[in-house]
Protein backbone atom coordinates (compact mmCIF):
# COMPACT_ATOMS: atom_id res chain seq x y z
CA MET A 1 26.73 -138.18 81.97
CA PRO A 2 26.28 -134.91 80.02
CA SER A 3 24.03 -134.91 77.02
CA PRO A 4 25.56 -134.16 73.56
CA ARG A 5 24.23 -130.60 73.84
CA ASP A 6 26.07 -130.05 77.12
CA THR A 7 29.44 -130.95 75.57
CA ARG A 8 29.16 -128.45 72.70
CA SER A 9 29.05 -125.28 74.77
CA PRO A 10 28.82 -124.27 78.44
CA ILE A 11 25.84 -122.07 77.49
CA TYR A 12 23.66 -125.15 77.00
CA ALA A 13 24.53 -126.49 80.43
CA SER A 14 23.62 -123.18 82.10
CA ARG A 15 20.19 -122.74 80.50
CA LEU A 16 17.19 -123.23 82.75
CA PHE A 17 14.74 -124.03 79.94
CA SER A 18 15.10 -125.94 76.69
CA ARG A 19 14.68 -123.93 73.50
CA ARG A 20 12.25 -124.56 70.68
CA PRO A 21 13.11 -123.57 67.10
CA LEU A 22 10.81 -120.75 66.00
CA ASP A 23 11.04 -118.43 62.98
CA VAL A 24 8.67 -115.48 63.34
CA ARG A 25 8.97 -111.72 62.91
CA ALA A 26 9.84 -109.72 65.98
CA ARG A 27 10.10 -106.08 66.93
CA LEU A 28 12.26 -104.73 69.74
CA VAL A 29 11.85 -101.26 71.20
CA ALA A 30 14.78 -99.88 73.18
CA LEU A 31 15.52 -96.50 74.71
CA HIS A 32 18.67 -94.76 73.46
CA SER A 33 20.78 -92.91 76.05
CA SER A 34 19.40 -89.67 74.54
CA GLY A 35 15.89 -90.78 75.54
CA GLN A 36 14.88 -91.54 71.96
CA ARG A 37 13.03 -94.78 71.21
CA ILE A 38 14.81 -97.14 68.85
CA VAL A 39 12.79 -99.75 66.94
CA VAL A 40 14.74 -102.77 65.72
CA HIS A 41 13.19 -105.42 63.49
CA ALA A 42 14.26 -109.03 63.92
CA ARG A 43 13.44 -112.69 63.36
CA THR A 44 13.45 -115.29 66.07
CA CYS A 45 15.71 -118.32 65.83
CA ASP A 46 14.47 -120.08 68.93
CA VAL A 47 12.46 -119.41 72.07
CA SER A 48 12.14 -120.81 75.58
CA ARG A 49 10.12 -119.94 78.66
CA GLY A 50 13.03 -117.76 79.82
CA GLY A 51 14.35 -116.10 76.66
CA ALA A 52 14.91 -116.15 72.93
CA GLY A 53 17.57 -116.12 70.25
CA LEU A 54 17.10 -113.44 67.58
CA THR A 55 18.73 -112.12 64.44
CA LEU A 56 18.49 -108.31 64.37
CA THR A 57 18.61 -105.76 61.56
CA CYS A 58 21.12 -103.69 63.60
CA SER A 59 23.34 -104.37 66.57
CA LEU A 60 22.28 -103.79 70.19
CA PRO A 61 24.82 -103.93 73.02
CA SER A 62 24.60 -106.45 75.85
CA GLY A 63 22.63 -105.09 78.79
CA THR A 64 20.13 -103.22 76.62
CA GLU A 65 16.58 -103.44 78.00
CA VAL A 66 13.94 -103.88 75.32
CA ALA A 67 10.25 -104.48 74.84
CA LEU A 68 10.03 -107.53 72.56
CA CYS A 69 6.87 -108.13 70.52
CA LEU A 70 6.28 -111.41 68.65
CA ARG A 71 3.40 -112.43 66.40
CA LEU A 72 2.97 -116.08 67.39
CA PRO A 73 2.05 -118.85 64.94
CA ASP A 74 -1.54 -118.91 66.27
CA GLY A 75 -1.89 -115.19 65.42
CA SER A 76 -1.70 -113.90 68.99
CA LEU A 77 0.68 -111.11 69.96
CA LEU A 78 3.17 -111.56 72.79
CA CYS A 79 4.95 -108.48 74.15
CA VAL A 80 7.44 -109.03 76.95
CA GLN A 81 10.23 -107.09 78.65
CA ALA A 82 13.70 -108.52 77.98
CA VAL A 83 17.41 -107.79 78.36
CA VAL A 84 20.10 -108.52 75.77
CA ILE A 85 22.40 -110.91 77.64
CA ARG A 86 24.72 -112.03 74.85
CA ARG A 87 25.45 -110.96 71.32
CA HIS A 88 27.58 -111.95 68.38
CA GLY A 89 27.21 -109.44 65.56
CA PHE A 90 23.53 -109.23 64.68
CA ARG A 91 22.66 -112.43 66.58
CA VAL A 92 21.54 -111.86 70.18
CA GLY A 93 20.21 -113.81 73.12
CA VAL A 94 17.62 -112.10 75.29
CA GLN A 95 16.37 -113.03 78.74
CA PHE A 96 12.76 -112.27 79.60
CA VAL A 97 12.26 -110.15 82.73
CA ARG A 98 9.23 -109.14 84.79
CA THR A 99 6.93 -111.56 82.96
CA THR A 100 3.28 -111.70 83.94
CA ALA A 101 1.37 -114.91 84.65
CA GLU A 102 -0.33 -114.58 81.24
CA GLN A 103 2.99 -114.15 79.42
CA ARG A 104 4.43 -117.19 81.24
CA ARG A 105 1.36 -119.21 80.22
CA MET A 106 1.72 -118.18 76.57
CA LEU A 107 5.43 -119.03 76.57
CA SER A 108 4.81 -122.42 78.19
CA GLU A 109 2.17 -123.26 75.58
CA LEU A 110 4.44 -122.09 72.76
CA CYS A 111 7.43 -124.07 73.98
CA CYS A 112 5.48 -127.26 74.68
CA ALA A 113 3.52 -127.22 71.39
């Protein structure tokens, strides 16, 4: 029997990891097609071991590769490569890519705290 979350949206059923609410500042760095770096400030809405939901100060198209930096509640800095996989206005979902063992450890600790 599906959980209540699974009946609200097919997105919930397709996620590999559960999300944890988290509201911290974030910075995304993307490369524009001209080769220029674009810095976008954001706030997280939630995070999981595989990705995060963010509210951005400007829109980024789906498929944009970014470097995402978060200042975690314990004061540590987490920088991880990610791809914008869905967006709705200034709200985006990113999927983490090419994570290191240390980044995976930090995300596991953050999501299980």
